[in-house]
Amino acid sequence: MPNTDGVETCRRIKAVEAFQSIPIIVVTARNQKEFLQAAFAAGVEDYIRKPVEQVELLTRIKSSLQLKQETETRKSWEMELTKTIAELDRALNDIATLQQLIPVCPCCMQPPSTRISESALSSYIQTHLDAKFKDAVCSRCTGL
């Protein structure tokens, strides 16, 4: 290639965000360790030495594309998992908030429901120090 080599070309391609996930295979006659290190550092996924054998080239292309597809599938799955975890966290926070809301009559400070005993309410409050109270006037105080 005039004015540039494969390593520089790879750097330029990988510098463009839209092309970063494209697998690049270098075809080279070079045998130097430094060249291969520079190529991999630039983002090359694989290399083939010249002369190129058709079977090897096709196999490496197929392998690189399969790896790219699997990577994209994994990233998509991880993004969905992250969203699901965030939704579950929000739901757990909502549940925790709802569990902290205890209906208590602001007049007599008793639960409006006869299903909640005073001792059960007291026990709950002692074990849930962050409990919040919601005003709910009971039927005894409203005269109903």
N, C-alpha and C. Protein backbone atom coordinates (compact mmCIF):
# COMPACT_ATOMS: atom_id res chain seq x y z
N MET A 1 0.85 -1.18 0.00
CA MET A 1 0.00 0.00 0.00
C MET A 1 0.90 1.24 0.00
N PRO A 2 0.63 2.13 -0.89
CA PRO A 2 1.48 3.33 -0.95
C PRO A 2 1.20 4.26 0.23
N ASN A 3 2.28 4.82 0.79
CA ASN A 3 2.23 5.83 1.85
C ASN A 3 1.74 5.33 3.22
N THR A 4 1.40 4.09 3.36
CA THR A 4 0.96 3.56 4.66
C THR A 4 1.14 2.05 4.67
N ASP A 5 1.13 1.49 5.87
CA ASP A 5 1.21 0.02 5.97
C ASP A 5 -0.05 -0.52 6.63
N GLY A 6 -0.14 -1.82 6.77
CA GLY A 6 -1.34 -2.47 7.32
C GLY A 6 -1.62 -2.07 8.75
N VAL A 7 -0.57 -1.87 9.55
CA VAL A 7 -0.76 -1.49 10.95
C VAL A 7 -1.40 -0.10 11.04
N GLU A 8 -0.88 0.84 10.26
CA GLU A 8 -1.44 2.19 10.27
C GLU A 8 -2.87 2.19 9.73
N THR A 9 -3.11 1.42 8.69
CA THR A 9 -4.46 1.31 8.13
C THR A 9 -5.43 0.76 9.19
N CYS A 10 -4.98 -0.24 9.91
CA CYS A 10 -5.80 -0.82 10.98
C CYS A 10 -6.10 0.24 12.05
N ARG A 11 -5.09 1.01 12.45
CA ARG A 11 -5.30 2.07 13.45
C ARG A 11 -6.36 3.06 12.97
N ARG A 12 -6.26 3.44 11.71
CA ARG A 12 -7.22 4.41 11.15
C ARG A 12 -8.64 3.84 11.14
N ILE A 13 -8.76 2.59 10.77
CA ILE A 13 -10.09 1.94 10.73
C ILE A 13 -10.66 1.87 12.15
N LYS A 14 -9.86 1.41 13.10
CA LYS A 14 -10.33 1.24 14.48
C LYS A 14 -10.59 2.57 15.17
N ALA A 15 -10.05 3.66 14.64
CA ALA A 15 -10.29 4.99 15.22
C ALA A 15 -11.70 5.48 14.93
N VAL A 16 -12.35 4.90 13.93
CA VAL A 16 -13.73 5.27 13.59
C VAL A 16 -14.66 4.36 14.40
N GLU A 17 -15.48 4.99 15.24
CA GLU A 17 -16.31 4.22 16.16
C GLU A 17 -17.20 3.19 15.45
N ALA A 18 -17.74 3.55 14.32
CA ALA A 18 -18.63 2.65 13.58
C ALA A 18 -17.91 1.39 13.07
N PHE A 19 -16.58 1.47 12.95
CA PHE A 19 -15.81 0.35 12.41
C PHE A 19 -15.05 -0.44 13.46
N GLN A 20 -15.16 -0.06 14.73
CA GLN A 20 -14.33 -0.67 15.77
C GLN A 20 -14.57 -2.16 15.95
N SER A 21 -15.77 -2.63 15.67
CA SER A 21 -16.06 -4.05 15.89
C SER A 21 -15.80 -4.91 14.65
N ILE A 22 -15.36 -4.29 13.57
CA ILE A 22 -15.08 -5.05 12.35
C ILE A 22 -13.78 -5.83 12.53
N PRO A 23 -13.83 -7.14 12.33
CA PRO A 23 -12.61 -7.93 12.48
C PRO A 23 -11.64 -7.66 11.32
N ILE A 24 -10.38 -7.50 11.65
CA ILE A 24 -9.35 -7.25 10.64
C ILE A 24 -8.34 -8.37 10.69
N ILE A 25 -8.07 -8.93 9.51
CA ILE A 25 -7.05 -9.97 9.37
C ILE A 25 -5.96 -9.41 8.47
N VAL A 26 -4.74 -9.41 8.97
CA VAL A 26 -3.60 -8.91 8.20
C VAL A 26 -3.01 -10.05 7.40
N VAL A 27 -2.77 -9.78 6.13
CA VAL A 27 -2.06 -10.73 5.27
C VAL A 27 -0.68 -10.14 5.07
N THR A 28 0.36 -10.89 5.48
CA THR A 28 1.71 -10.32 5.46
C THR A 28 2.76 -11.36 5.07
N ALA A 29 3.81 -10.84 4.52
CA ALA A 29 4.98 -11.68 4.24
C ALA A 29 6.01 -11.50 5.34
N ARG A 30 5.78 -10.50 6.20
CA ARG A 30 6.71 -10.21 7.30
C ARG A 30 6.68 -11.33 8.33
N ASN A 31 7.82 -11.49 8.97
CA ASN A 31 7.95 -12.53 9.97
C ASN A 31 8.48 -11.96 11.28
N GLN A 32 8.53 -10.64 11.38
CA GLN A 32 9.12 -10.03 12.56
C GLN A 32 8.12 -9.97 13.71
N LYS A 33 8.61 -10.29 14.87
CA LYS A 33 7.80 -10.29 16.09
C LYS A 33 7.27 -8.88 16.38
N GLU A 34 8.09 -7.86 16.17
CA GLU A 34 7.69 -6.48 16.46
C GLU A 34 6.52 -6.05 15.57
N PHE A 35 6.54 -6.47 14.32
CA PHE A 35 5.45 -6.12 13.41
C PHE A 35 4.14 -6.73 13.90
N LEU A 36 4.17 -8.01 14.26
CA LEU A 36 2.96 -8.67 14.73
C LEU A 36 2.45 -8.06 16.02
N GLN A 37 3.36 -7.70 16.94
CA GLN A 37 2.95 -7.05 18.18
C GLN A 37 2.28 -5.71 17.88
N ALA A 38 2.85 -4.94 16.97
CA ALA A 38 2.28 -3.65 16.59
C ALA A 38 0.91 -3.85 15.93
N ALA A 39 0.79 -4.88 15.11
CA ALA A 39 -0.48 -5.15 14.43
C ALA A 39 -1.58 -5.50 15.43
N PHE A 40 -1.27 -6.37 16.39
CA PHE A 40 -2.27 -6.74 17.40
C PHE A 40 -2.59 -5.55 18.30
N ALA A 41 -1.60 -4.74 18.62
CA ALA A 41 -1.84 -3.54 19.43
C ALA A 41 -2.74 -2.55 18.69
N ALA A 42 -2.68 -2.55 17.38
CA ALA A 42 -3.51 -1.64 16.56
C ALA A 42 -4.94 -2.15 16.42
N GLY A 43 -5.20 -3.40 16.80
CA GLY A 43 -6.56 -3.93 16.75
C GLY A 43 -6.79 -5.08 15.80
N VAL A 44 -5.72 -5.62 15.22
CA VAL A 44 -5.85 -6.76 14.32
C VAL A 44 -6.31 -7.98 15.13
N GLU A 45 -7.26 -8.74 14.59
CA GLU A 45 -7.74 -9.94 15.27
C GLU A 45 -6.92 -11.18 14.92
N ASP A 46 -6.37 -11.18 13.71
CA ASP A 46 -5.65 -12.38 13.26
C ASP A 46 -4.72 -11.99 12.12
N TYR A 47 -3.85 -12.90 11.76
CA TYR A 47 -2.98 -12.65 10.61
C TYR A 47 -2.75 -13.95 9.86
N ILE A 48 -2.41 -13.79 8.58
CA ILE A 48 -2.08 -14.91 7.71
C ILE A 48 -0.79 -14.55 6.98
N ARG A 49 0.09 -15.52 6.91
CA ARG A 49 1.36 -15.29 6.19
C ARG A 49 1.18 -15.63 4.72
N LYS A 50 1.87 -14.85 3.89
CA LYS A 50 1.88 -15.12 2.45
C LYS A 50 2.84 -16.27 2.19
N PRO A 51 2.62 -17.06 1.21
CA PRO A 51 1.49 -17.06 0.27
C PRO A 51 0.22 -17.58 0.96
N VAL A 52 -0.89 -17.01 0.56
CA VAL A 52 -2.17 -17.31 1.19
C VAL A 52 -2.76 -18.59 0.60
N GLU A 53 -3.18 -19.45 1.52
CA GLU A 53 -3.91 -20.65 1.11
C GLU A 53 -5.40 -20.35 1.23
N GLN A 54 -6.15 -20.64 0.19
CA GLN A 54 -7.57 -20.30 0.15
C GLN A 54 -8.33 -20.90 1.33
N VAL A 55 -8.07 -22.15 1.64
CA VAL A 55 -8.79 -22.82 2.73
C VAL A 55 -8.51 -22.11 4.06
N GLU A 56 -7.25 -21.76 4.31
CA GLU A 56 -6.89 -21.07 5.54
C GLU A 56 -7.56 -19.69 5.61
N LEU A 57 -7.53 -18.95 4.52
CA LEU A 57 -8.13 -17.62 4.49
C LEU A 57 -9.64 -17.71 4.77
N LEU A 58 -10.33 -18.58 4.09
CA LEU A 58 -11.78 -18.71 4.28
C LEU A 58 -12.12 -19.17 5.70
N THR A 59 -11.32 -20.08 6.23
CA THR A 59 -11.56 -20.57 7.60
C THR A 59 -11.36 -19.46 8.62
N ARG A 60 -10.31 -18.67 8.46
CA ARG A 60 -10.05 -17.58 9.41
C ARG A 60 -11.10 -16.48 9.30
N ILE A 61 -11.55 -16.20 8.09
CA ILE A 61 -12.62 -15.21 7.91
C ILE A 61 -13.90 -15.70 8.59
N LYS A 62 -14.24 -16.96 8.34
CA LYS A 62 -15.44 -17.54 8.95
C LYS A 62 -15.33 -17.51 10.47
N SER A 63 -14.18 -17.87 11.00
CA SER A 63 -13.96 -17.87 12.44
C SER A 63 -14.06 -16.46 13.03
N SER A 64 -13.49 -15.48 12.35
CA SER A 64 -13.54 -14.09 12.83
C SER A 64 -14.97 -13.56 12.82
N LEU A 65 -15.71 -13.86 11.78
CA LEU A 65 -17.10 -13.40 11.70
C LEU A 65 -17.98 -14.09 12.75
N GLN A 66 -17.72 -15.36 13.00
CA GLN A 66 -18.46 -16.09 14.02
C GLN A 66 -18.17 -15.50 15.41
N LEU A 67 -16.90 -15.20 15.68
CA LEU A 67 -16.52 -14.60 16.95
C LEU A 67 -17.18 -13.22 17.10
N LYS A 68 -17.21 -12.44 16.02
CA LYS A 68 -17.86 -11.12 16.06
C LYS A 68 -19.33 -11.27 16.39
N GLN A 69 -20.01 -12.20 15.75
CA GLN A 69 -21.43 -12.42 15.99
C GLN A 69 -21.67 -12.85 17.44
N GLU A 70 -20.86 -13.75 17.95
CA GLU A 70 -21.01 -14.21 19.33
C GLU A 70 -20.75 -13.07 20.32
N THR A 71 -19.79 -12.22 20.01
CA THR A 71 -19.48 -11.08 20.87
C THR A 71 -20.65 -10.10 20.88
N GLU A 72 -21.22 -9.82 19.72
CA GLU A 72 -22.37 -8.92 19.64
C GLU A 72 -23.57 -9.50 20.38
N THR A 73 -23.79 -10.79 20.25
CA THR A 73 -24.89 -11.45 20.95
C THR A 73 -24.68 -11.35 22.46
N ARG A 74 -23.46 -11.58 22.94
CA ARG A 74 -23.15 -11.49 24.36
C ARG A 74 -23.35 -10.06 24.86
N LYS A 75 -22.89 -9.07 24.09
CA LYS A 75 -23.06 -7.67 24.50
C LYS A 75 -24.54 -7.31 24.59
N SER A 76 -25.31 -7.76 23.62
CA SER A 76 -26.75 -7.50 23.63
C SER A 76 -27.40 -8.15 24.85
N TRP A 77 -27.02 -9.39 25.13
CA TRP A 77 -27.54 -10.10 26.29
C TRP A 77 -27.16 -9.38 27.57
N GLU A 78 -25.91 -8.91 27.67
CA GLU A 78 -25.45 -8.19 28.86
C GLU A 78 -26.22 -6.88 29.04
N MET A 79 -26.51 -6.19 27.94
CA MET A 79 -27.29 -4.94 28.03
C MET A 79 -28.69 -5.23 28.53
N GLU A 80 -29.32 -6.29 28.01
CA GLU A 80 -30.66 -6.67 28.46
C GLU A 80 -30.63 -7.08 29.93
N LEU A 81 -29.60 -7.82 30.32
CA LEU A 81 -29.46 -8.24 31.71
C LEU A 81 -29.30 -7.03 32.62
N THR A 82 -28.51 -6.06 32.20
CA THR A 82 -28.31 -4.84 32.98
C THR A 82 -29.64 -4.09 33.15
N LYS A 83 -30.42 -4.01 32.06
CA LYS A 83 -31.74 -3.36 32.15
C LYS A 83 -32.66 -4.12 33.11
N THR A 84 -32.64 -5.44 33.01
CA THR A 84 -33.49 -6.26 33.88
C THR A 84 -33.09 -6.10 35.34
N ILE A 85 -31.80 -6.07 35.61
CA ILE A 85 -31.32 -5.89 36.98
C ILE A 85 -31.75 -4.52 37.51
N ALA A 86 -31.65 -3.50 36.68
CA ALA A 86 -32.07 -2.15 37.08
C ALA A 86 -33.57 -2.13 37.39
N GLU A 87 -34.37 -2.81 36.56
CA GLU A 87 -35.81 -2.88 36.80
C GLU A 87 -36.11 -3.62 38.09
N LEU A 88 -35.39 -4.71 38.34
CA LEU A 88 -35.58 -5.46 39.58
C LEU A 88 -35.19 -4.63 40.79
N ASP A 89 -34.10 -3.88 40.69
CA ASP A 89 -33.69 -2.99 41.78
C ASP A 89 -34.77 -1.96 42.09
N ARG A 90 -35.34 -1.37 41.02
CA ARG A 90 -36.41 -0.39 41.22
C ARG A 90 -37.62 -1.06 41.90
N ALA A 91 -37.96 -2.27 41.44
CA ALA A 91 -39.10 -2.98 42.03
C ALA A 91 -38.84 -3.31 43.49
N LEU A 92 -37.63 -3.74 43.81
CA LEU A 92 -37.29 -4.04 45.21
C LEU A 92 -37.34 -2.79 46.07
N ASN A 93 -36.89 -1.67 45.52
CA ASN A 93 -36.97 -0.40 46.26
C ASN A 93 -38.43 -0.01 46.49
N ASP A 94 -39.26 -0.23 45.47
CA ASP A 94 -40.68 0.07 45.62
C ASP A 94 -41.31 -0.82 46.69
N ILE A 95 -40.96 -2.10 46.68
CA ILE A 95 -41.48 -3.03 47.69
C ILE A 95 -41.02 -2.61 49.08
N ALA A 96 -39.76 -2.25 49.21
CA ALA A 96 -39.24 -1.80 50.51
C ALA A 96 -39.98 -0.56 50.98
N THR A 97 -40.25 0.35 50.07
CA THR A 97 -40.99 1.57 50.43
C THR A 97 -42.41 1.22 50.86
N LEU A 98 -43.06 0.34 50.11
CA LEU A 98 -44.43 -0.05 50.46
C LEU A 98 -44.48 -0.78 51.80
N GLN A 99 -43.47 -1.60 52.08
CA GLN A 99 -43.43 -2.31 53.35
C GLN A 99 -43.26 -1.35 54.53
N GLN A 100 -42.70 -0.20 54.25
CA GLN A 100 -42.46 0.76 55.33
C GLN A 100 -43.69 1.62 55.61
N LEU A 101 -44.67 1.61 54.74
CA LEU A 101 -45.86 2.42 54.94
C LEU A 101 -46.85 1.69 55.84
N ILE A 102 -47.00 2.15 57.06
CA ILE A 102 -47.90 1.52 58.03
C ILE A 102 -49.07 2.47 58.25
N PRO A 103 -50.29 2.03 57.95
CA PRO A 103 -51.42 2.92 58.19
C PRO A 103 -51.67 3.08 59.69
N VAL A 104 -51.69 4.32 60.14
CA VAL A 104 -51.92 4.62 61.55
C VAL A 104 -52.85 5.82 61.62
N CYS A 105 -53.85 5.72 62.46
CA CYS A 105 -54.80 6.82 62.65
C CYS A 105 -54.08 7.98 63.34
N PRO A 106 -54.12 9.18 62.77
CA PRO A 106 -53.43 10.31 63.39
C PRO A 106 -54.09 10.78 64.69
N CYS A 107 -55.34 10.35 64.91
CA CYS A 107 -56.04 10.77 66.13
C CYS A 107 -55.68 9.89 67.32
N CYS A 108 -55.86 8.57 67.15
CA CYS A 108 -55.63 7.66 68.28
C CYS A 108 -54.30 6.90 68.18
N MET A 109 -53.57 7.11 67.06
CA MET A 109 -52.27 6.46 66.81
C MET A 109 -52.37 4.93 66.80
N GLN A 110 -53.53 4.43 66.42
CA GLN A 110 -53.74 2.99 66.31
C GLN A 110 -53.93 2.63 64.84
N PRO A 111 -53.62 1.40 64.49
CA PRO A 111 -53.87 0.99 63.10
C PRO A 111 -55.37 0.94 62.86
N PRO A 112 -55.84 1.41 61.70
CA PRO A 112 -57.27 1.42 61.43
C PRO A 112 -57.87 0.03 61.27
N SER A 113 -57.07 -0.93 60.97
CA SER A 113 -57.55 -2.29 60.77
C SER A 113 -57.45 -3.06 62.07
N THR A 114 -58.48 -3.82 62.37
CA THR A 114 -58.44 -4.65 63.57
C THR A 114 -57.55 -5.87 63.36
N ARG A 115 -57.11 -6.07 62.14
CA ARG A 115 -56.25 -7.21 61.86
C ARG A 115 -54.84 -7.00 62.38
N ILE A 116 -54.44 -5.76 62.63
CA ILE A 116 -53.10 -5.47 63.12
C ILE A 116 -53.19 -5.19 64.61
N SER A 117 -52.60 -6.05 65.39
CA SER A 117 -52.64 -5.84 66.85
C SER A 117 -51.62 -4.79 67.24
N GLU A 118 -51.85 -4.17 68.38
CA GLU A 118 -50.94 -3.15 68.86
C GLU A 118 -49.56 -3.74 69.13
N SER A 119 -49.51 -4.95 69.64
CA SER A 119 -48.21 -5.58 69.93
C SER A 119 -47.48 -5.93 68.64
N ALA A 120 -48.23 -6.35 67.61
CA ALA A 120 -47.61 -6.66 66.31
C ALA A 120 -47.06 -5.40 65.69
N LEU A 121 -47.82 -4.30 65.79
CA LEU A 121 -47.38 -3.02 65.26
C LEU A 121 -46.13 -2.56 66.00
N SER A 122 -46.14 -2.66 67.31
CA SER A 122 -44.99 -2.24 68.12
C SER A 122 -43.76 -3.08 67.77
N SER A 123 -43.96 -4.38 67.63
CA SER A 123 -42.85 -5.27 67.28
C SER A 123 -42.29 -4.92 65.90
N TYR A 124 -43.18 -4.65 64.95
CA TYR A 124 -42.74 -4.29 63.60
C TYR A 124 -41.92 -3.00 63.62
N ILE A 125 -42.42 -2.02 64.35
CA ILE A 125 -41.73 -0.73 64.42
C ILE A 125 -40.34 -0.89 65.04
N GLN A 126 -40.22 -1.73 66.06
CA GLN A 126 -38.93 -1.94 66.71
C GLN A 126 -37.93 -2.64 65.78
N THR A 127 -38.40 -3.50 64.90
CA THR A 127 -37.49 -4.21 63.99
C THR A 127 -37.28 -3.48 62.67
N HIS A 128 -38.12 -2.49 62.39
CA HIS A 128 -38.02 -1.71 61.16
C HIS A 128 -37.95 -0.22 61.52
N LEU A 129 -36.78 0.19 61.96
CA LEU A 129 -36.61 1.55 62.46
C LEU A 129 -36.84 2.61 61.39
N ASP A 130 -36.73 2.21 60.12
CA ASP A 130 -36.92 3.18 59.04
C ASP A 130 -38.37 3.21 58.55
N ALA A 131 -39.29 2.60 59.30
CA ALA A 131 -40.70 2.56 58.90
C ALA A 131 -41.28 3.97 58.86
N LYS A 132 -42.18 4.18 57.90
CA LYS A 132 -42.87 5.46 57.76
C LYS A 132 -44.35 5.22 58.03
N PHE A 133 -45.01 6.22 58.50
CA PHE A 133 -46.42 6.08 58.83
C PHE A 133 -47.27 6.87 57.85
N LYS A 134 -48.40 6.29 57.49
CA LYS A 134 -49.34 6.93 56.58
C LYS A 134 -50.61 7.22 57.35
N ASP A 135 -51.06 8.47 57.27
CA ASP A 135 -52.29 8.83 57.97
C ASP A 135 -53.49 8.11 57.37
N ALA A 136 -54.25 7.45 58.22
CA ALA A 136 -55.47 6.78 57.80
C ALA A 136 -56.40 6.80 59.00
N VAL A 137 -57.33 7.75 59.03
CA VAL A 137 -58.23 7.90 60.16
C VAL A 137 -59.08 6.64 60.29
N CYS A 138 -59.12 6.09 61.48
CA CYS A 138 -59.85 4.84 61.69
C CYS A 138 -61.34 5.12 61.88
N SER A 139 -62.13 4.07 61.77
CA SER A 139 -63.59 4.20 61.87
C SER A 139 -64.00 4.60 63.29
N ARG A 140 -63.22 4.23 64.28
CA ARG A 140 -63.56 4.63 65.66
C ARG A 140 -63.50 6.15 65.83
N CYS A 141 -62.46 6.77 65.21
CA CYS A 141 -62.30 8.22 65.36
C CYS A 141 -63.23 9.02 64.45
N THR A 142 -63.66 8.44 63.34
CA THR A 142 -64.58 9.15 62.46
C THR A 142 -66.02 8.93 62.89
N GLY A 143 -66.24 7.96 63.79
CA GLY A 143 -67.59 7.68 64.30
C GLY A 143 -68.40 6.84 63.36
N LEU A 144 -67.75 6.18 62.42
CA LEU A 144 -68.49 5.33 61.46
C LEU A 144 -68.58 3.91 61.93
